[in-house]
């Protein structure tokens, strides 16, 4: 029996749709968080004082950039091509790196959200 990698989404067409939506959402999330980081960095460069909420949002946004870029935007590109997943071109090392950055960003987001 052949392994059907799109069994979670029902068909190859649905897998393509989910992949495109995930990559688009990851790009937009990375862009939005980058704008928050840029805004706070401008205040720091101008010598303006930042309050604790802004510093927490800075950390939260940096963690979101890590998750959005490595997990959602890069997605299956970092997965080993032997898996047969859509657009999988990575290897075991890139998959492990993606897993590390996902856990790092995820735990960071949890900690920063509890700080709020």
Protein backbone atom coordinates (compact mmCIF):
# COMPACT_ATOMS: atom_id res chain seq x y z
CA UNK A 1 0.00 0.00 0.00
CA UNK A 2 1.36 3.41 -0.96
CA UNK A 3 1.74 6.16 1.61
CA UNK A 4 -0.62 9.02 0.85
CA UNK A 5 0.97 12.13 2.31
CA UNK A 6 -2.17 14.20 1.76
CA UNK A 7 -4.36 11.89 3.81
CA UNK A 8 -4.86 14.61 6.44
CA UNK A 9 -6.40 17.03 3.95
CA UNK A 10 -8.22 14.58 1.70
CA UNK A 11 -6.61 15.20 -1.70
CA UNK A 12 -3.59 16.68 -3.43
CA UNK A 13 -5.68 19.73 -4.41
CA UNK A 14 -6.59 20.40 -0.77
CA UNK A 15 -2.95 19.93 0.26
CA UNK A 16 -1.93 22.59 -2.27
CA UNK A 17 -4.61 24.99 -0.97
CA UNK A 18 -3.57 24.46 2.66
CA UNK A 19 0.10 24.92 1.78
CA UNK A 20 -0.49 28.17 -0.12
CA UNK A 21 -2.71 29.59 2.64
CA UNK A 22 -0.17 28.61 5.31
CA UNK A 23 2.72 30.23 3.43
CA UNK A 24 0.72 33.40 2.76
CA UNK A 25 -0.35 33.66 6.41
CA UNK A 26 3.23 33.05 7.55
CA UNK A 27 4.54 35.81 5.29
CA UNK A 28 1.89 38.29 6.47
CA UNK A 29 2.51 37.43 10.12
CA UNK A 30 6.26 37.88 9.68
CA UNK A 31 5.66 41.22 7.97
CA UNK A 32 3.31 42.46 10.71
CA UNK A 33 5.63 41.43 13.53
CA UNK A 34 8.56 43.02 11.70
CA UNK A 35 6.67 46.31 11.61
CA UNK A 36 6.13 46.16 15.37
CA UNK A 37 9.85 45.47 15.92
CA UNK A 38 10.74 48.32 13.56
CA UNK A 39 8.41 50.75 15.37
CA UNK A 40 9.89 49.97 18.78
CA UNK A 41 13.45 50.06 17.40
CA UNK A 42 12.83 53.55 15.99
CA UNK A 43 11.73 54.76 19.43
CA UNK A 44 14.86 53.32 21.03
CA UNK A 45 17.15 54.89 18.38
CA UNK A 46 15.55 58.29 18.92
CA UNK A 47 16.26 57.99 22.63
CA UNK A 48 12.61 57.79 23.65
CA UNK A 49 11.71 55.78 26.70
CA UNK A 50 9.89 52.48 26.18
CA UNK A 51 7.49 51.11 28.73
CA UNK A 52 7.44 47.46 29.85
CA UNK A 53 4.46 46.68 27.57
CA UNK A 54 6.44 47.77 24.50
CA UNK A 55 9.42 45.66 25.53
CA UNK A 56 7.18 42.65 26.05
CA UNK A 57 5.59 43.24 22.64
CA UNK A 58 9.09 43.42 21.15
CA UNK A 59 9.98 40.00 22.55
CA UNK A 60 6.62 38.54 21.56
CA UNK A 61 7.00 39.89 18.03
CA UNK A 62 10.52 38.47 17.70
CA UNK A 63 9.27 35.04 18.77
CA UNK A 64 6.38 35.35 16.33
CA UNK A 65 8.82 36.15 13.51
CA UNK A 66 10.76 32.98 14.31
CA UNK A 67 7.63 30.81 14.29
CA UNK A 68 5.98 32.45 11.30
CA UNK A 69 9.10 32.30 9.16
CA UNK A 70 10.51 28.88 10.05
CA UNK A 71 7.25 26.97 10.57
CA UNK A 72 4.55 28.57 8.45
CA UNK A 73 6.44 30.32 5.63
CA UNK A 74 9.20 27.76 5.06
CA UNK A 75 6.82 24.91 5.93
CA UNK A 76 7.52 21.75 4.01
CA UNK A 77 10.52 23.21 2.16
CA UNK A 78 12.65 22.15 5.13
CA UNK A 79 11.12 18.67 5.31
CA UNK A 80 13.20 15.83 3.84
CA UNK A 81 12.24 15.19 0.22
CA UNK A 82 12.00 11.45 0.95
CA UNK A 83 8.72 12.11 2.80
CA UNK A 84 6.94 12.89 -0.45
CA UNK A 85 5.24 15.97 0.97
CA UNK A 86 4.35 18.81 -1.34
CA UNK A 87 7.44 20.97 -2.11
CA UNK A 88 9.63 19.06 0.37
CA UNK A 89 13.26 19.72 -0.59
CA UNK A 90 15.07 19.68 2.76
CA UNK A 91 17.05 17.10 4.63
CA UNK A 92 17.21 15.74 8.16
CA UNK A 93 19.37 18.63 9.41
CA UNK A 94 17.06 21.33 8.02
CA UNK A 95 14.06 19.53 9.51
CA UNK A 96 15.77 19.42 12.92
CA UNK A 97 16.66 23.13 12.67
CA UNK A 98 13.05 23.94 11.83
CA UNK A 99 11.89 21.94 14.85
CA UNK A 100 14.35 23.75 17.12
CA UNK A 101 13.21 27.20 15.97
CA UNK A 102 9.56 26.20 16.28
CA UNK A 103 9.98 25.06 19.90
CA UNK A 104 12.15 28.10 20.72
CA UNK A 105 9.60 30.54 19.29
CA UNK A 106 6.61 28.69 20.71
CA UNK A 107 7.97 28.61 24.26
CA UNK A 108 9.06 32.24 23.95
CA UNK A 109 5.57 33.28 22.87
CA UNK A 110 4.02 31.44 25.82
CA UNK A 111 6.39 33.13 28.28
CA UNK A 112 5.89 36.59 26.81
CA UNK A 113 2.11 36.15 26.76
CA UNK A 114 2.14 35.24 30.44
CA UNK A 115 4.21 38.37 31.08
CA UNK A 116 1.42 40.50 29.61
